[in-house]
N, C-alpha and C. Protein backbone atom coordinates (compact mmCIF):
# COMPACT_ATOMS: atom_id res chain seq x y z
N MET A 1 40.64 106.40 126.18
CA MET A 1 41.12 105.64 126.97
C MET A 1 41.74 104.48 126.58
N THR A 2 41.55 103.48 125.82
CA THR A 2 41.59 102.45 125.23
C THR A 2 42.96 102.71 124.60
N TYR A 3 42.93 103.82 123.98
CA TYR A 3 43.97 103.84 123.00
C TYR A 3 45.56 103.70 124.21
N GLY A 4 45.71 103.96 125.09
CA GLY A 4 47.02 103.92 125.66
C GLY A 4 47.08 102.49 126.21
N LYS A 5 45.78 101.16 126.28
CA LYS A 5 45.84 100.08 126.07
C LYS A 5 46.46 99.29 125.05
N LYS A 6 45.71 99.80 123.83
CA LYS A 6 45.98 99.49 123.11
C LYS A 6 47.67 99.58 122.23
N ARG A 7 48.10 100.63 122.56
CA ARG A 7 49.09 101.19 122.58
C ARG A 7 50.44 100.46 123.01
N SER A 8 49.84 99.73 124.72
CA SER A 8 50.73 98.97 125.93
C SER A 8 50.89 97.91 124.93
N GLY A 9 49.65 97.22 124.73
CA GLY A 9 49.97 95.88 124.30
C GLY A 9 50.70 95.85 122.41
N VAL A 10 50.43 96.63 121.74
CA VAL A 10 51.14 96.92 121.00
C VAL A 10 52.83 96.57 120.67
N ALA A 11 53.08 97.92 122.46
CA ALA A 11 54.52 97.88 122.53
C ALA A 11 54.55 96.44 123.44
N GLN A 12 53.97 95.85 123.95
CA GLN A 12 54.80 94.43 124.63
C GLN A 12 54.70 93.07 123.59
N TYR A 13 53.91 93.43 122.42
CA TYR A 13 54.05 92.65 120.95
C TYR A 13 55.48 92.42 120.69
N GLY A 14 55.42 93.84 120.02
CA GLY A 14 56.86 94.03 119.91
C GLY A 14 58.54 93.67 120.77
N LYS A 15 58.07 93.99 121.62
CA LYS A 15 59.35 93.46 122.68
C LYS A 15 59.17 92.22 122.75
N VAL A 16 57.99 91.10 122.44
CA VAL A 16 58.18 89.88 122.90
C VAL A 16 58.84 89.22 121.56
N ALA A 17 58.04 90.33 120.66
CA ALA A 17 58.65 89.82 118.73
C ALA A 17 59.95 90.05 119.21
N ALA A 18 60.71 91.14 119.43
CA ALA A 18 61.89 90.80 119.59
C ALA A 18 62.90 89.99 120.27
N GLU A 19 62.36 90.01 121.11
CA GLU A 19 62.93 89.26 122.15
C GLU A 19 62.72 87.30 121.33
N SER A 20 61.99 87.56 121.25
CA SER A 20 61.82 86.13 120.33
C SER A 20 62.59 85.94 119.03
N GLU A 21 63.16 87.05 118.43
CA GLU A 21 63.99 87.36 116.97
C GLU A 21 65.67 86.87 118.05
N VAL A 22 65.91 87.33 118.81
CA VAL A 22 66.99 87.57 119.38
C VAL A 22 67.56 85.41 119.67
N ALA A 23 66.95 85.44 120.62
CA ALA A 23 66.73 83.88 121.23
C ALA A 23 67.27 82.68 119.66
N TYR A 24 66.44 83.51 118.18
CA TYR A 24 66.65 82.04 117.45
C TYR A 24 67.60 82.49 116.78
N ALA A 25 68.30 84.45 116.52
CA ALA A 25 68.90 85.01 115.62
C ALA A 25 70.45 84.33 115.32
N SER A 26 71.02 84.57 114.40
CA SER A 26 72.22 83.67 113.86
C SER A 26 73.17 84.75 114.50
N PRO A 27 74.32 84.78 114.97
CA PRO A 27 75.72 85.81 115.37
C PRO A 27 75.41 87.21 114.12
N HIS A 28 75.33 86.53 112.99
CA HIS A 28 75.16 87.84 111.28
C HIS A 28 74.13 88.68 112.27
N ARG A 29 72.74 87.76 112.36
CA ARG A 29 71.68 89.08 112.42
C ARG A 29 71.47 89.80 113.87
N LEU A 30 72.17 89.45 114.97
CA LEU A 30 72.17 90.16 115.85
C LEU A 30 72.91 91.76 115.84
N VAL A 31 73.77 91.37 115.04
CA VAL A 31 74.68 92.77 114.80
C VAL A 31 73.75 93.32 114.36
N GLN A 32 72.80 93.09 112.66
CA GLN A 32 72.22 93.86 112.20
C GLN A 32 71.18 94.45 113.37
N MET A 33 70.69 93.73 114.04
CA MET A 33 69.82 94.26 114.55
C MET A 33 70.40 95.27 116.29
N LEU A 34 71.78 95.29 116.26
CA LEU A 34 72.12 96.13 117.06
C LEU A 34 72.09 97.38 116.32
N MET A 35 72.48 97.19 115.22
CA MET A 35 73.08 98.39 114.30
C MET A 35 71.40 99.22 114.45
N GLU A 36 70.65 98.53 113.50
CA GLU A 36 69.01 98.83 113.85
C GLU A 36 68.65 99.69 114.70
N GLY A 37 68.86 98.99 116.07
CA GLY A 37 69.01 99.80 117.17
C GLY A 37 69.29 101.02 118.12
N ALA A 38 70.77 100.68 117.17
CA ALA A 38 71.37 102.30 117.35
C ALA A 38 70.58 103.53 116.40
N LEU A 39 70.75 102.75 114.86
CA LEU A 39 70.02 103.73 114.69
C LEU A 39 68.32 104.31 114.83
N GLU A 40 68.21 103.45 114.96
CA GLU A 40 66.09 103.96 115.67
C GLU A 40 66.12 104.97 116.82
N LYS A 41 67.69 104.98 117.65
CA LYS A 41 67.73 105.37 118.97
C LYS A 41 68.66 107.10 118.52
N VAL A 42 69.33 107.20 117.71
CA VAL A 42 69.99 108.07 117.04
C VAL A 42 68.88 109.33 116.11
N ALA A 43 68.31 108.21 115.32
CA ALA A 43 67.23 108.87 114.68
C ALA A 43 66.00 109.42 115.62
N THR A 44 65.66 108.96 116.75
CA THR A 44 64.62 109.39 117.64
C THR A 44 65.38 110.24 118.40
N ALA A 45 66.39 110.58 119.14
CA ALA A 45 67.12 111.98 119.65
C ALA A 45 67.16 112.86 118.94
N LYS A 46 67.40 112.67 117.94
CA LYS A 46 67.34 114.05 116.50
C LYS A 46 66.39 114.75 116.64
N GLY A 47 65.50 113.69 116.83
CA GLY A 47 63.61 114.29 116.67
C GLY A 47 63.36 114.89 118.34
N CYS A 48 63.76 114.26 119.09
CA CYS A 48 63.62 114.92 120.44
C CYS A 48 64.36 115.85 120.32
N ILE A 49 65.30 116.62 119.84
CA ILE A 49 66.50 117.68 120.05
C ILE A 49 65.79 118.59 120.16
N GLU A 50 64.75 118.40 118.28
CA GLU A 50 64.14 119.22 117.14
C GLU A 50 62.91 119.94 117.70
N ARG A 51 62.36 118.61 118.80
CA ARG A 51 61.05 118.79 119.87
C ARG A 51 61.32 119.79 120.56
N ASN A 52 62.91 120.36 121.02
CA ASN A 52 62.66 120.20 122.65
C ASN A 52 62.99 119.69 123.51
N ASP A 53 63.03 118.14 123.25
CA ASP A 53 62.47 117.17 124.46
C ASP A 53 64.14 116.97 124.71
N LEU A 54 64.02 117.47 125.88
CA LEU A 54 65.27 117.42 126.55
C LEU A 54 65.91 115.84 127.19
N GLU A 55 64.96 115.73 127.96
CA GLU A 55 64.16 114.14 128.57
C GLU A 55 64.90 112.96 127.88
N GLY A 56 64.11 113.10 126.80
CA GLY A 56 63.52 112.17 125.39
C GLY A 56 65.06 111.93 125.19
N LYS A 57 65.20 113.30 124.62
CA LYS A 57 66.86 113.20 123.67
C LYS A 57 67.53 112.42 124.34
N SER A 58 67.74 112.86 126.20
CA SER A 58 68.80 112.19 126.84
C SER A 58 68.72 110.64 126.83
N ARG A 59 67.64 110.11 126.76
CA ARG A 59 67.34 109.04 127.09
C ARG A 59 67.47 108.15 125.79
N GLN A 60 67.47 108.05 124.76
CA GLN A 60 67.84 107.67 123.64
C GLN A 60 69.00 107.93 123.27
N ILE A 61 69.81 108.61 123.76
CA ILE A 61 71.18 109.20 123.69
C ILE A 61 71.86 107.89 124.68
N THR A 62 71.44 107.73 125.66
CA THR A 62 71.63 107.07 126.49
C THR A 62 71.88 105.30 125.84
N TRP A 63 70.55 104.92 125.73
CA TRP A 63 70.49 103.55 124.86
C TRP A 63 70.94 103.42 123.60
N ALA A 64 71.32 104.70 122.76
CA ALA A 64 72.42 104.20 121.67
C ALA A 64 73.81 104.17 122.14
N MET A 65 74.29 104.64 123.11
CA MET A 65 75.82 104.62 123.37
C MET A 65 75.96 103.43 123.88
N SER A 66 74.84 103.12 125.02
CA SER A 66 74.51 101.67 125.19
C SER A 66 75.11 100.67 124.15
N ILE A 67 74.22 100.35 122.53
CA ILE A 67 74.04 99.48 121.87
C ILE A 67 75.29 99.46 121.21
N ILE A 68 76.01 101.21 121.20
CA ILE A 68 77.14 101.35 120.20
C ILE A 68 78.37 100.13 120.63
N ASN A 69 77.79 100.45 122.64
CA ASN A 69 79.48 99.89 123.34
C ASN A 69 79.32 98.35 123.49
N GLY A 70 78.15 97.84 122.79
CA GLY A 70 77.75 96.41 122.59
C GLY A 70 78.86 95.95 121.46
N LEU A 71 78.11 96.92 120.28
CA LEU A 71 78.81 96.40 119.05
C LEU A 71 80.42 96.15 119.43
N ARG A 72 80.80 97.60 120.09
CA ARG A 72 82.76 97.70 120.32
C ARG A 72 83.44 96.29 121.07
N THR A 73 82.37 95.98 122.37
CA THR A 73 82.41 94.76 123.41
C THR A 73 82.87 94.02 122.19
N SER A 74 81.52 93.59 121.29
CA SER A 74 81.79 92.23 120.52
C SER A 74 82.60 92.20 119.25
N LEU A 75 83.50 93.02 119.47
CA LEU A 75 84.59 93.08 118.55
C LEU A 75 85.58 92.19 118.90
N ASP A 76 86.65 91.17 118.57
CA ASP A 76 87.43 90.13 118.34
C ASP A 76 88.55 91.00 117.84
N MET A 77 88.98 91.72 118.63
CA MET A 77 90.53 92.38 118.34
C MET A 77 91.71 91.12 117.50
N ASP A 78 91.64 90.01 118.04
CA ASP A 78 92.41 89.22 117.72
C ASP A 78 92.31 88.67 116.65
N ALA A 79 91.11 87.59 116.03
CA ALA A 79 90.73 87.72 114.95
C ALA A 79 89.99 88.77 113.91
N GLY A 80 89.65 89.87 114.49
CA GLY A 80 89.32 90.86 113.44
C GLY A 80 90.73 91.52 112.18
N GLY A 81 91.83 91.77 113.35
CA GLY A 81 93.04 92.52 112.45
C GLY A 81 92.47 93.88 112.77
N ALA A 82 92.92 94.02 111.33
CA ALA A 82 92.51 96.11 111.10
C ALA A 82 91.56 96.27 111.14
N ILE A 83 90.33 95.91 110.26
CA ILE A 83 89.21 95.93 110.40
C ILE A 83 88.47 96.34 111.84
N ALA A 84 89.06 95.40 112.79
CA ALA A 84 88.79 95.21 114.02
C ALA A 84 89.06 96.64 114.94
N VAL A 85 90.19 97.05 114.58
CA VAL A 85 90.44 97.77 114.92
C VAL A 85 90.28 99.37 114.72
N ASN A 86 89.71 99.50 113.54
CA ASN A 86 89.07 100.36 112.76
C ASN A 86 87.67 100.41 112.94
N LEU A 87 87.02 99.15 113.41
CA LEU A 87 85.52 99.65 113.81
C LEU A 87 85.64 99.92 115.05
N ASP A 88 86.54 99.80 116.56
CA ASP A 88 86.89 99.98 117.58
C ASP A 88 86.86 101.80 117.38
N ASP A 89 87.75 102.22 117.01
CA ASP A 89 87.84 103.24 116.49
C ASP A 89 86.90 104.22 116.46
N LEU A 90 86.09 103.63 115.27
CA LEU A 90 84.68 104.48 114.90
C LEU A 90 83.85 105.05 115.89
N TYR A 91 83.42 103.01 116.26
CA TYR A 91 82.08 102.94 117.51
C TYR A 91 82.88 104.58 118.91
N ALA A 92 84.36 104.63 119.09
CA ALA A 92 84.74 105.45 120.29
C ALA A 92 84.25 106.59 119.89
N TYR A 93 84.90 107.39 118.40
CA TYR A 93 84.18 108.26 117.88
C TYR A 93 82.71 108.60 117.66
N MET A 94 82.09 107.86 117.02
CA MET A 94 80.92 107.86 117.45
C MET A 94 80.42 108.21 118.75
N THR A 95 81.27 107.63 119.81
CA THR A 95 80.56 107.75 121.26
C THR A 95 80.64 109.21 121.46
N ARG A 96 82.03 109.54 121.26
CA ARG A 96 81.84 110.92 121.30
C ARG A 96 81.27 112.36 120.46
N ARG A 97 80.42 111.91 119.43
CA ARG A 97 79.67 112.41 119.29
C ARG A 97 78.66 112.34 119.82
N LEU A 98 78.01 111.44 120.11
CA LEU A 98 76.99 110.95 121.35
C LEU A 98 77.18 112.00 122.23
N ILE A 99 78.04 112.36 122.63
CA ILE A 99 78.54 113.09 123.88
C ILE A 99 78.63 114.60 123.65
N ASP A 100 78.66 114.63 122.01
CA ASP A 100 78.62 116.16 121.60
C ASP A 100 77.23 116.38 121.81
N ALA A 101 76.90 115.98 121.10
CA ALA A 101 75.08 115.81 120.87
C ALA A 101 74.47 116.22 121.95
N THR A 102 74.85 115.21 122.94
CA THR A 102 74.45 116.11 124.76
C THR A 102 74.33 116.77 124.87
N ALA A 103 75.77 116.40 125.43
CA ALA A 103 76.32 117.94 125.71
C ALA A 103 75.58 119.77 125.03
N HIS A 104 75.57 119.68 123.29
CA HIS A 104 75.28 120.99 122.94
C HIS A 104 73.90 120.86 122.32
N ASN A 105 72.97 119.58 122.14
CA ASN A 105 71.69 119.71 121.55
C ASN A 105 72.11 119.33 120.22
N ASP A 106 73.20 119.19 119.44
CA ASP A 106 73.93 118.76 118.18
C ASP A 106 72.93 117.90 117.32
N ALA A 107 71.55 118.12 116.91
CA ALA A 107 71.24 117.55 116.01
C ALA A 107 72.31 117.00 114.88
N ASN A 108 73.63 118.08 114.09
CA ASN A 108 74.17 117.74 113.22
C ASN A 108 75.00 116.64 113.25
N ALA A 109 75.92 116.46 115.34
CA ALA A 109 76.61 115.20 115.72
C ALA A 109 75.57 113.93 114.92
N LEU A 110 74.43 113.89 115.61
CA LEU A 110 73.36 112.81 115.55
C LEU A 110 73.34 112.50 114.03
N SER A 111 73.12 113.19 113.26
CA SER A 111 73.01 113.17 111.39
C SER A 111 75.16 112.37 111.32
N GLU A 112 75.43 113.07 111.99
CA GLU A 112 76.83 112.12 111.44
C GLU A 112 76.95 110.68 112.25
N VAL A 113 76.51 110.70 113.43
CA VAL A 113 76.28 109.18 113.72
C VAL A 113 75.57 108.20 112.75
N ILE A 114 74.83 108.47 112.40
CA ILE A 114 73.52 108.12 111.62
C ILE A 114 74.42 107.63 110.06
N ASP A 115 74.78 108.92 109.54
CA ASP A 115 76.05 108.85 108.22
C ASP A 115 76.89 107.34 108.88
N LEU A 116 77.92 107.52 109.34
CA LEU A 116 78.43 106.35 109.54
C LEU A 116 77.19 104.94 110.07
N LEU A 117 76.50 104.95 110.55
CA LEU A 117 75.94 103.57 111.15
C LEU A 117 75.56 103.08 109.96
N LEU A 118 75.44 103.64 108.61
CA LEU A 118 74.99 103.70 107.96
C LEU A 118 75.17 102.85 106.70
N GLU A 119 76.48 103.29 106.93
CA GLU A 119 78.23 103.53 106.02
C GLU A 119 78.03 101.59 106.33
N ILE A 120 78.74 101.47 108.11
CA ILE A 120 78.87 100.22 108.46
C ILE A 120 77.92 98.86 108.27
N LYS A 121 76.25 99.48 108.83
CA LYS A 121 75.31 98.35 108.59
C LYS A 121 75.68 98.25 106.96
N GLY A 122 75.31 98.47 106.05
CA GLY A 122 75.65 98.91 104.53
C GLY A 122 76.35 97.89 104.30
N ALA A 123 78.09 98.25 104.85
CA ALA A 123 79.01 96.90 104.30
C ALA A 123 78.56 95.49 105.13
N TRP A 124 77.65 95.63 106.27
CA TRP A 124 77.97 93.94 106.95
C TRP A 124 76.19 93.78 106.50
N ASP A 125 75.58 94.20 105.71
CA ASP A 125 74.19 93.94 104.61
C ASP A 125 74.86 93.17 103.50
N ALA A 126 75.57 93.35 103.59
CA ALA A 126 76.28 93.25 101.84
C ALA A 126 77.51 92.22 101.93
N MET A 127 77.60 91.59 103.24
CA MET A 127 78.47 90.13 103.68
C MET A 127 77.56 89.35 102.82
N PRO A 128 78.90 88.59 102.36
CA PRO A 128 78.58 87.32 101.60
C PRO A 128 77.97 86.51 102.76
N GLU A 129 76.77 85.38 102.00
CA GLU A 129 76.40 84.38 102.63
C GLU A 129 77.64 83.88 103.76
N SER A 130 78.77 82.94 102.98
CA SER A 130 80.19 82.09 103.04
C SER A 130 80.75 83.16 103.82
N VAL A 131 80.90 84.14 104.23
CA VAL A 131 81.73 85.14 105.42
C VAL A 131 80.64 85.22 106.45
N ARG A 132 79.49 85.14 106.55
CA ARG A 132 78.44 85.58 108.03
C ARG A 132 78.62 84.42 109.04
N SER A 133 78.84 82.93 108.46
CA SER A 133 78.86 82.16 109.68
C SER A 133 80.52 82.31 110.28
N VAL A 134 81.61 82.76 109.68
CA VAL A 134 82.94 82.60 110.03
C VAL A 134 83.12 83.66 111.34
N GLY A 135 83.45 83.10 112.28
CA GLY A 135 83.15 83.38 113.92
C GLY A 135 84.27 84.81 114.19
N GLY A 136 84.15 85.92 115.06
CA GLY A 136 85.05 86.73 115.22
C GLY A 136 84.60 87.74 116.35
N THR A 137 83.83 87.61 116.20
CA THR A 137 82.57 88.47 117.60
C THR A 137 82.62 87.47 118.38
N LYS A 138 82.52 87.93 119.28
CA LYS A 138 81.69 87.91 120.80
C LYS A 138 80.14 88.04 120.90
N TYR A 139 79.58 86.45 120.40
CA TYR A 139 77.69 87.08 120.46
C TYR A 139 77.29 87.45 121.76
N ALA A 140 77.62 86.58 123.00
CA ALA A 140 76.55 86.83 123.65
C ALA A 140 77.13 88.50 124.41
N ALA A 141 77.88 89.65 123.96
CA ALA A 141 78.08 91.09 124.77
C ALA A 141 76.90 91.23 123.84
N ALA A 142 77.05 91.16 122.27
CA ALA A 142 76.10 92.21 121.68
C ALA A 142 74.18 91.65 121.99
N LYS A 143 74.29 90.04 122.68
CA LYS A 143 72.43 89.78 123.07
C LYS A 143 72.32 90.48 124.06
N GLU A 144 73.51 90.89 125.28
CA GLU A 144 72.83 91.59 126.08
C GLU A 144 72.63 93.18 126.15
N ALA A 145 73.52 93.62 125.05
CA ALA A 145 72.89 94.90 124.50
C ALA A 145 71.68 95.14 123.68
N ILE A 146 71.00 94.02 123.33
CA ILE A 146 69.97 93.87 122.79
C ILE A 146 68.87 94.13 123.58
């Protein structure tokens, strides 16, 4: 019985810690957090498919789609040029693959989204500090998605 209370306390602590990080995070870190969240939700959805937990799968994929939409709406299409257009197309593709995964319980579609997110995140993480502070993203929309 006390296990549930402990778990609830840990979850609450994690929520407060995440909210604190969001409040003080740089715009670059906010995007990293969104990508980390999307990766976590897609991986969890994949596990749900493997366990035949259809309700959990649906919840996790919906949450992942919301995060990816947050990433997509944070793009500054004017300042971002071709890179922003390519990312917009890639986020749209990922959303379609998540819909496919939902409709067909397709773990391979989720693996594909994970691979794409990891590739984008790897490039984002490797971005030099001098570039990280340059504008080009609407961070308020990104904060809302977290």
